[in-house]
Protein backbone atom coordinates (compact mmCIF):
# COMPACT_ATOMS: atom_id res chain seq x y z
CA MET A 1 -52.72 -27.09 45.48
CA ASN A 2 -51.11 -26.62 48.92
CA TYR A 3 -51.94 -29.67 51.02
CA VAL A 4 -49.91 -28.54 54.04
CA VAL A 5 -51.79 -25.34 54.80
CA LEU A 6 -52.17 -24.74 58.54
CA ILE A 7 -55.77 -24.20 59.66
CA ASN A 8 -56.61 -23.71 63.34
CA LYS A 9 -58.10 -21.17 65.75
CA ASN A 10 -55.27 -18.74 64.94
CA ASN A 11 -55.02 -19.43 61.21
CA LYS A 12 -58.05 -18.83 59.02
CA ILE A 13 -57.97 -20.45 55.60
CA LYS A 14 -57.29 -17.96 52.81
CA GLU A 15 -59.96 -17.40 50.19
CA SER A 16 -57.32 -17.97 47.48
CA PHE A 17 -57.21 -21.64 48.58
CA TYR A 18 -60.63 -22.24 47.03
CA LYS A 19 -59.33 -21.29 43.60
CA TYR A 20 -57.55 -24.65 43.46
CA LEU A 21 -59.98 -26.77 45.50
CA GLU A 22 -61.59 -29.69 43.64
CA LEU A 23 -64.17 -31.75 45.54
CA ASP A 24 -65.32 -35.31 44.83
CA ASN A 25 -68.25 -37.32 46.17
CA TYR A 26 -67.95 -40.34 48.46
CA LEU A 27 -70.87 -42.58 49.44
CA ASN A 28 -70.16 -43.99 52.89
CA LEU A 29 -71.36 -47.29 54.35
CA HIS A 30 -74.47 -45.58 55.74
CA GLY A 31 -75.44 -44.33 52.29
CA GLU A 32 -74.50 -40.73 53.15
CA ASN A 33 -72.87 -38.53 50.51
CA ILE A 34 -69.57 -37.03 51.73
CA LEU A 35 -67.50 -34.39 49.96
CA ALA A 36 -63.69 -34.32 50.15
CA GLU A 37 -60.78 -32.82 48.22
CA LYS A 38 -60.09 -34.88 45.10
CA VAL A 39 -56.55 -36.13 45.84
CA CYS A 40 -57.32 -36.58 49.54
CA LEU A 41 -60.31 -38.77 48.73
CA SER A 42 -58.39 -40.80 46.15
CA CYS A 43 -55.66 -41.56 48.72
CA PHE A 44 -58.28 -42.43 51.35
CA ILE A 45 -59.90 -44.99 49.05
CA LYS A 46 -56.50 -46.63 48.40
CA LEU A 47 -55.85 -46.70 52.15
CA GLN A 48 -59.31 -48.15 52.72
CA GLU A 49 -58.62 -50.99 50.27
CA GLU A 50 -55.26 -51.84 51.87
CA LEU A 51 -56.71 -51.91 55.39
CA LYS A 52 -59.63 -54.02 54.19
CA ASN A 53 -57.11 -56.72 53.25
CA LYS A 54 -56.06 -56.69 56.93
CA ASN A 55 -59.71 -57.00 58.04
CA ILE A 56 -59.72 -53.36 59.19
CA ILE A 57 -62.72 -51.37 57.97
CA ILE A 58 -62.55 -47.59 57.91
CA ASP A 59 -65.21 -45.19 56.68
CA ILE A 60 -65.74 -41.44 56.39
CA ILE A 61 -68.52 -39.94 58.48
CA LYS A 62 -67.67 -36.27 57.93
CA GLY A 63 -65.77 -34.45 55.21
CA TYR A 64 -65.96 -31.03 53.59
CA ASP A 65 -67.81 -28.34 55.56
CA ASP A 66 -67.18 -24.66 54.81
CA SER A 67 -69.15 -23.24 57.74
CA ASP A 68 -66.02 -22.40 59.76
CA LYS A 69 -62.84 -21.14 58.07
CA TYR A 70 -60.74 -21.85 61.18
CA ILE A 71 -61.42 -25.63 61.11
CA ASP A 72 -59.80 -27.87 58.49
CA TYR A 73 -63.09 -29.42 57.31
CA CYS A 74 -63.37 -26.27 55.19
CA SER A 75 -60.35 -27.38 53.14
CA GLY A 76 -61.77 -30.79 52.25
CA LEU A 77 -58.53 -32.24 53.63
CA GLY A 78 -59.84 -33.00 57.13
CA LEU A 79 -61.91 -36.16 57.58
CA ASN A 80 -63.64 -37.85 60.48
CA ILE A 81 -63.32 -41.60 60.09
CA THR A 82 -64.58 -44.65 61.97
CA ILE A 83 -62.60 -47.86 62.43
CA ASN A 84 -63.62 -51.35 63.54
CA SER A 85 -60.29 -52.13 65.22
CA ASP A 86 -58.13 -51.06 68.15
CA LEU A 87 -54.97 -51.48 66.08
CA ASP A 88 -52.73 -48.45 65.54
CA ILE A 89 -53.01 -47.45 61.88
CA SER A 90 -50.75 -44.36 62.12
CA LEU A 91 -48.08 -45.88 59.87
CA ASP A 92 -50.65 -46.96 57.27
CA LEU A 93 -52.12 -43.47 57.32
CA SER A 94 -48.73 -41.81 56.76
CA LYS A 95 -47.99 -44.07 53.77
CA TYR A 96 -51.01 -42.56 52.06
CA GLY A 97 -50.36 -38.96 53.16
CA PHE A 98 -52.55 -38.74 56.28
CA ILE A 99 -51.80 -37.76 59.86
CA ILE A 100 -53.99 -38.14 62.95
CA SER A 101 -55.14 -34.78 64.30
CA GLU A 102 -57.49 -36.00 67.01
CA LYS A 103 -58.76 -39.26 68.53
CA ARG A 104 -62.19 -39.64 70.10
CA LEU A 105 -64.24 -42.64 71.14
CA GLU A 106 -66.66 -42.19 68.26
CA PHE A 107 -64.19 -41.19 65.49
CA ILE A 108 -60.61 -40.35 64.49
CA HIS A 109 -59.96 -37.01 62.81
CA ILE A 110 -57.34 -37.37 60.09
CA ARG A 111 -55.79 -34.77 57.86
CA TYR A 112 -54.26 -35.16 54.38
CA VAL A 113 -50.84 -33.48 54.06
CA GLY A 114 -49.16 -35.62 51.38
CA ARG A 115 -46.84 -38.61 51.77
CA VAL A 116 -43.62 -36.64 52.24
CA VAL A 117 -44.85 -34.47 55.10
CA ALA A 118 -46.94 -37.25 56.68
CA SER A 119 -43.89 -39.52 56.89
CA ILE A 120 -41.84 -36.80 58.62
CA ILE A 121 -44.62 -36.05 61.10
CA TYR A 122 -45.10 -39.77 61.82
CA LYS A 123 -41.37 -40.36 62.35
CA ASN A 124 -41.10 -37.45 64.81
CA ASN A 125 -44.50 -37.94 66.45
CA TRP A 126 -45.32 -34.29 65.75
CA THR A 127 -48.53 -32.38 65.18
CA LEU A 128 -48.78 -30.28 62.02
CA GLU A 129 -48.09 -27.18 64.12
CA GLU A 130 -44.92 -28.80 65.50
CA TYR A 131 -43.81 -29.69 61.98
CA PHE A 132 -43.82 -26.03 60.98
CA LYS A 133 -42.10 -25.03 64.23
CA TYR A 134 -39.37 -27.66 64.52
CA PHE A 135 -38.67 -29.11 61.08
CA GLY A 136 -35.30 -28.48 59.51
CA GLY A 137 -33.43 -30.51 56.93
CA VAL A 138 -30.98 -30.52 54.04
CA LEU A 139 -31.70 -32.11 50.66
CA ILE A 140 -29.13 -32.86 47.98
CA VAL A 141 -31.07 -32.39 44.75
CA ASN A 142 -29.87 -33.62 41.37
CA LYS A 143 -31.08 -30.64 39.35
CA GLU A 144 -32.17 -31.41 35.81
CA VAL A 145 -31.11 -29.49 32.73
CA GLY A 146 -33.61 -26.84 31.67
CA VAL A 147 -34.87 -25.73 35.07
CA THR A 148 -33.56 -22.91 37.24
CA SER A 149 -32.38 -23.22 40.82
CA ARG A 150 -35.40 -21.12 41.76
CA ASP A 151 -37.66 -23.67 40.06
CA VAL A 152 -36.19 -26.38 42.29
CA VAL A 153 -36.76 -24.26 45.40
CA ASN A 154 -40.38 -23.68 44.35
CA ASP A 155 -40.91 -27.42 43.87
CA ILE A 156 -39.49 -28.17 47.33
CA CYS A 157 -41.68 -25.45 48.88
CA HIS A 158 -44.72 -27.12 47.35
CA ILE A 159 -43.77 -30.71 48.26
CA PHE A 160 -42.93 -29.89 51.88
CA GLY A 161 -45.51 -27.13 52.34
CA LEU A 162 -42.82 -24.72 53.51
CA LYS A 163 -42.12 -21.05 52.83
CA LYS A 164 -38.57 -21.08 54.20
CA VAL A 165 -36.51 -22.93 51.58
CA GLY A 166 -33.16 -21.88 50.11
CA HIS A 167 -30.11 -23.19 48.27
CA THR A 168 -26.37 -22.76 48.74
CA GLY A 169 -25.14 -22.22 45.19
CA THR A 170 -26.96 -21.39 41.95
CA LEU A 171 -26.82 -23.66 38.91
CA ASP A 172 -27.66 -22.20 35.48
CA PRO A 173 -30.58 -23.80 33.55
CA LEU A 174 -28.05 -25.49 31.22
CA ALA A 175 -26.32 -27.14 34.19
CA SER A 176 -27.37 -30.21 36.14
CA GLY A 177 -26.16 -31.95 39.28
CA VAL A 178 -25.69 -31.18 42.95
CA LEU A 179 -27.88 -28.41 44.36
CA VAL A 180 -27.85 -28.22 48.16
CA ILE A 181 -31.30 -27.26 49.50
CA THR A 182 -31.94 -26.02 53.03
CA MET A 183 -35.40 -26.16 54.61
CA GLY A 184 -37.00 -24.78 57.75
CA GLN A 185 -34.52 -24.40 60.60
CA ALA A 186 -31.68 -25.51 58.30
CA ASN A 187 -31.93 -22.20 56.44
CA LYS A 188 -30.05 -20.70 59.37
CA ILE A 189 -26.96 -22.81 58.62
CA GLY A 190 -26.81 -22.21 54.87
CA GLU A 191 -23.53 -20.32 55.15
CA LEU A 192 -21.93 -23.35 56.81
CA LEU A 193 -22.78 -25.46 53.76
CA THR A 194 -21.42 -23.08 51.13
CA SER A 195 -18.29 -25.06 50.35
CA THR A 196 -14.97 -23.49 49.41
CA TYR A 197 -14.57 -25.98 46.56
CA LYS A 198 -16.93 -27.48 44.00
CA GLU A 199 -16.35 -30.18 41.40
CA TYR A 200 -17.70 -30.12 37.85
CA GLU A 201 -17.68 -32.01 34.58
CA ALA A 202 -18.00 -29.74 31.56
CA GLY A 203 -18.40 -30.13 27.82
CA VAL A 204 -16.71 -27.76 25.37
CA LEU A 205 -17.17 -26.83 21.72
CA MET A 206 -14.07 -25.24 20.21
CA GLY A 207 -14.08 -22.64 17.46
CA VAL A 208 -17.23 -20.84 18.69
CA LEU A 209 -17.86 -17.99 21.13
CA THR A 210 -21.32 -16.91 22.29
CA ASP A 211 -22.48 -13.84 24.20
CA THR A 212 -23.45 -15.98 27.22
CA LEU A 213 -20.29 -18.12 26.99
CA ASP A 214 -22.46 -21.24 26.68
CA ILE A 215 -24.26 -23.00 23.84
CA THR A 216 -27.61 -21.33 24.66
CA GLY A 217 -26.29 -17.92 23.63
CA LYS A 218 -25.93 -16.05 20.36
CA ILE A 219 -22.77 -16.82 18.36
CA ILE A 220 -20.65 -13.67 18.26
CA ASN A 221 -17.34 -15.08 16.97
CA SER A 222 -15.90 -18.19 15.35
CA SER A 223 -12.44 -19.46 14.51
CA SER A 224 -10.59 -22.46 13.11
CA VAL A 225 -9.43 -25.18 15.49
CA ASN A 226 -5.83 -26.40 15.73
CA MET A 227 -6.28 -30.17 15.95
CA GLY A 228 -2.64 -30.71 16.83
CA ILE A 229 -2.65 -28.85 20.14
CA ASN A 230 -2.33 -30.84 23.38
CA ILE A 231 -5.51 -30.08 25.32
CA SER A 232 -4.29 -31.87 28.46
CA ASP A 233 -1.23 -29.62 28.70
CA VAL A 234 -3.38 -26.49 28.34
CA LEU A 235 -5.78 -27.67 31.02
CA ASP A 236 -2.87 -28.50 33.33
CA SER A 237 -1.56 -24.94 32.96
CA PHE A 238 -4.69 -23.62 34.71
CA LYS A 239 -3.93 -25.32 38.02
CA GLY A 240 -3.49 -22.69 40.69
CA SER A 241 -4.91 -19.18 41.06
CA TYR A 242 -5.66 -16.55 38.44
CA MET A 243 -7.77 -13.43 37.96
CA GLN A 244 -10.99 -14.42 36.18
CA GLU A 245 -13.27 -11.97 34.42
CA VAL A 246 -16.92 -12.35 35.48
CA PRO A 247 -19.27 -13.08 32.53
CA ILE A 248 -21.66 -10.34 31.45
CA TYR A 249 -24.59 -12.76 31.78
CA SER A 250 -24.38 -13.21 35.54
CA ALA A 251 -26.12 -11.92 38.68
CA VAL A 252 -23.05 -10.04 39.94
CA LYS A 253 -24.01 -6.45 40.74
CA ILE A 254 -22.19 -3.32 39.56
CA ASN A 255 -23.51 -0.04 40.98
CA GLY A 256 -26.53 -1.90 42.34
CA LYS A 257 -27.47 -3.37 38.96
CA LYS A 258 -27.05 -7.00 37.91
CA LEU A 259 -24.69 -7.59 35.00
CA TYR A 260 -27.26 -9.50 32.95
CA ASP A 261 -29.48 -6.39 33.10
CA TYR A 262 -26.66 -4.40 31.50
CA ALA A 263 -26.32 -7.10 28.83
CA ARG A 264 -30.03 -7.21 28.05
CA SER A 265 -30.28 -3.45 27.77
CA GLY A 266 -27.17 -3.22 25.58
CA GLU A 267 -25.32 -0.99 28.07
CA SER A 268 -21.54 -1.25 28.27
CA VAL A 269 -19.96 -1.91 31.64
CA GLU A 270 -16.47 -2.83 32.82
CA LEU A 271 -16.57 -6.45 33.90
CA PRO A 272 -15.01 -7.13 37.31
CA LYS A 273 -12.26 -9.69 37.85
CA ARG A 274 -11.99 -12.06 40.77
CA LYS A 275 -9.22 -14.27 42.03
CA VAL A 276 -10.21 -17.93 41.63
CA ASN A 277 -8.36 -21.14 42.31
CA ILE A 278 -8.35 -24.27 40.17
CA SER A 279 -7.18 -27.01 42.51
CA ASP A 280 -7.50 -29.78 39.94
CA ILE A 281 -8.37 -30.08 36.25
CA SER A 282 -8.03 -32.98 33.81
CA LEU A 283 -9.21 -34.11 30.38
CA ILE A 284 -11.94 -36.77 30.26
CA SER A 285 -12.32 -37.18 26.49
CA SER A 286 -11.85 -35.32 23.19
CA ASP A 287 -13.14 -35.71 19.63
CA ASN A 288 -12.30 -33.32 16.80
CA ASP A 289 -13.61 -29.90 17.93
CA THR A 290 -15.15 -31.01 21.25
CA PHE A 291 -13.82 -32.19 24.58
CA THR A 292 -14.95 -32.78 28.15
CA PHE A 293 -13.00 -32.16 31.34
CA LYS A 294 -13.30 -32.48 35.08
CA THR A 295 -12.28 -29.75 37.50
CA CYS A 296 -12.36 -28.78 41.16
CA VAL A 297 -12.61 -25.02 41.67
CA SER A 298 -12.98 -22.45 44.42
CA LYS A 299 -16.25 -20.76 45.32
CA GLY A 300 -17.14 -18.01 42.85
CA THR A 301 -15.46 -19.61 39.82
CA TYR A 302 -17.47 -19.42 36.61
CA ILE A 303 -16.90 -22.53 34.50
CA ARG A 304 -18.15 -20.65 31.44
CA SER A 305 -15.41 -18.08 31.94
CA LEU A 306 -12.83 -20.77 32.60
CA ILE A 307 -13.74 -22.40 29.27
CA ARG A 308 -13.43 -19.05 27.48
CA ASP A 309 -9.97 -18.63 29.01
CA ILE A 310 -9.01 -22.20 28.07
CA GLY A 311 -10.03 -21.36 24.50
CA ASN A 312 -7.73 -18.35 24.51
CA LYS A 313 -4.79 -20.61 25.43
CA LEU A 314 -5.86 -23.09 22.76
CA ASP A 315 -5.68 -20.16 20.30
CA CYS A 316 -9.34 -20.55 19.37
CA TYR A 317 -12.73 -19.66 20.75
CA ALA A 318 -14.43 -22.08 23.14
CA THR A 319 -17.98 -22.33 24.47
CA MET A 320 -19.52 -24.48 27.19
CA THR A 321 -21.99 -27.09 25.90
CA SER A 322 -22.81 -28.93 29.13
CA LEU A 323 -22.13 -28.74 32.86
CA ILE A 324 -22.64 -31.20 35.71
CA ARG A 325 -21.85 -30.27 39.30
CA THR A 326 -20.65 -33.58 40.74
CA LYS A 327 -19.66 -32.35 44.20
CA GLN A 328 -20.17 -29.44 46.56
CA GLY A 329 -18.06 -29.86 49.66
CA LYS A 330 -19.04 -33.14 51.35
CA PHE A 331 -22.10 -33.60 49.13
CA SER A 332 -21.81 -35.60 45.91
CA LEU A 333 -24.02 -36.59 42.99
CA GLU A 334 -24.19 -40.16 44.34
CA ASN A 335 -25.98 -38.84 47.45
CA SER A 336 -28.50 -36.74 45.50
CA ASN A 337 -32.13 -37.27 44.55
CA THR A 338 -34.21 -35.99 41.66
CA ILE A 339 -37.32 -33.91 42.25
CA ASP A 340 -39.45 -36.86 41.07
CA GLU A 341 -37.82 -39.16 43.64
CA ILE A 342 -38.45 -36.61 46.39
CA ARG A 343 -42.05 -36.17 45.30
CA ASP A 344 -42.45 -39.98 45.48
CA ASN A 345 -41.11 -39.94 49.07
CA ASN A 346 -37.94 -41.77 47.99
CA TYR A 347 -35.07 -39.56 49.13
CA SER A 348 -32.39 -38.96 51.75
CA LEU A 349 -32.99 -36.15 54.22
CA TYR A 350 -30.06 -34.84 56.25
CA SER A 351 -30.64 -33.29 59.65
CA ILE A 352 -28.77 -30.25 60.89
CA GLU A 353 -26.77 -32.60 63.14
CA ASP A 354 -25.78 -34.68 60.07
CA VAL A 355 -24.23 -31.79 58.17
CA ILE A 356 -22.43 -29.68 60.77
CA ASP A 357 -18.79 -30.26 61.72
CA PHE A 358 -18.84 -29.30 65.37
CA PRO A 359 -20.03 -30.90 68.63
CA VAL A 360 -23.66 -31.53 69.57
CA VAL A 361 -24.43 -31.17 73.28
CA LYS A 362 -27.67 -32.15 75.02
CA LEU A 363 -28.44 -29.85 77.94
CA ASP A 364 -30.24 -30.30 81.23
CA LYS A 365 -33.48 -28.43 81.97
CA GLU A 366 -31.84 -25.38 83.52
CA ASN A 367 -29.34 -24.80 80.70
CA SER A 368 -31.99 -25.61 78.10
CA TYR A 369 -34.04 -22.71 79.43
CA LEU A 370 -31.03 -20.35 79.39
CA VAL A 371 -29.93 -21.26 75.86
CA SER A 372 -33.49 -21.15 74.47
CA ASN A 373 -33.60 -17.53 75.66
CA GLY A 374 -30.19 -16.67 74.20
CA VAL A 375 -28.43 -16.24 77.56
CA ILE A 376 -24.62 -16.18 77.52
CA ILE A 377 -23.29 -19.18 79.46
CA THR A 378 -19.94 -20.32 80.82
CA ASN A 379 -17.92 -22.60 78.53
CA THR A 380 -17.89 -25.64 80.80
CA PHE A 381 -18.09 -27.94 77.75
CA ASN A 382 -14.53 -27.27 76.49
CA ILE A 383 -15.84 -25.92 73.17
CA LYS A 384 -13.12 -24.60 70.83
CA ASP A 385 -15.25 -22.87 68.19
CA LYS A 386 -18.99 -23.62 67.85
CA VAL A 387 -21.47 -26.03 69.41
CA LEU A 388 -25.02 -27.13 68.59
CA PHE A 389 -27.15 -27.25 71.73
CA LYS A 390 -30.17 -29.54 72.09
CA SER A 391 -32.71 -29.41 74.88
CA TYR A 392 -33.24 -32.16 77.45
CA ASP A 393 -36.19 -33.35 75.30
CA ASP A 394 -34.12 -33.39 72.06
CA LYS A 395 -35.32 -30.11 70.49
CA LEU A 396 -32.73 -27.99 68.65
CA LEU A 397 -32.07 -24.82 70.62
CA GLY A 398 -29.30 -23.03 68.77
CA ILE A 399 -25.68 -22.78 67.80
CA TYR A 400 -23.37 -21.05 70.25
CA GLU A 401 -19.83 -19.82 69.63
CA VAL A 402 -16.87 -19.18 71.88
CA ASP A 403 -16.42 -15.69 73.30
CA VAL A 404 -13.28 -15.76 75.50
CA ASP A 405 -14.34 -18.09 78.35
CA LYS A 406 -18.07 -17.81 77.57
CA LEU A 407 -20.45 -19.13 74.95
CA LYS A 408 -22.83 -16.78 73.15
CA THR A 409 -25.60 -17.20 70.58
CA TRP A 410 -24.58 -17.53 66.93
CA LYS A 411 -27.87 -18.95 65.59
CA ASN A 412 -31.05 -19.39 67.59
CA PHE A 413 -33.58 -22.06 66.57
CA ARG A 414 -36.30 -21.18 69.10
């Protein structure tokens, strides 16, 4: 169910919405039967109980009405409520997933959008339309084992009601840890967040090789394990750069076709090699035929392939059994949140200003107009590389870059 669907005079509700719509009955204080979307009504009743403890009485006088597909009553998420107090209940509303759409003398029109979105709208004093227009943020997600990076993106799309969501570095289903998610306007700066180096902790099983180079694959070879070999010395020998063969089960394209498609169809293909850099690598623990290690590697390094190559130096096969990404650039596991925490509105959201490494300049009205229209301007701000421009009323306008003695558009947010 999408609770953040935009419905107004320009946006008619889609018929597909009704496939997921569940309505419940509510008997108001006048004895009238009101219909509302199930979750929306449940949250309203909880809000009603909390406000009652503060001697504030609210009631629904209008709910679901499907007579006009351009008005949000047709979703069951828009409610007209009455209140016996002049107190501002905007914060209370946001805690239960509601925003105020309209205030009149006889009623307040509220709209259910979910706690996460309602809290953002309340904090910024936005309308729902402004949320879709201006919102941009970066999430550091602690991805769980067993889900894909795409699954995480889909979850974030649903929680925040957004279509424009991306990530800056895929993690395999077997892997967990730091996945940097960009949303809304922040999608335009994804390339700035794709760090040169990433840090991992990996588990290894020696004596086994699989077709996928990890424990989820089919065993294709096995060997004895030399228990007397010094694993730390072998790991240390990988510090620096080397040419790494890309695994067959990967999304790298050869002749326009992804390598894993070649693998699944049984076609042979020459695997490409790429120069990677291992800036640091060290043993964490070892026990018989298993060990774990920590490493910091350059962008594009496959840990599965690194483990295969470590196995070759250990004179035995080796397969990855676990993988945790602990850092990606400035973002670490300690700063991350699980999907459940985000869904419960308990998470850290980074603004575009938080994550960029260049100046932020607030412009006057005249320059705000020029920059919002992508006009090249004189570099009177002594900018050396790039700059994030904000309008006089604190809206993000765009990122400009130096062009000789001028500044020109690099990314436009308007």
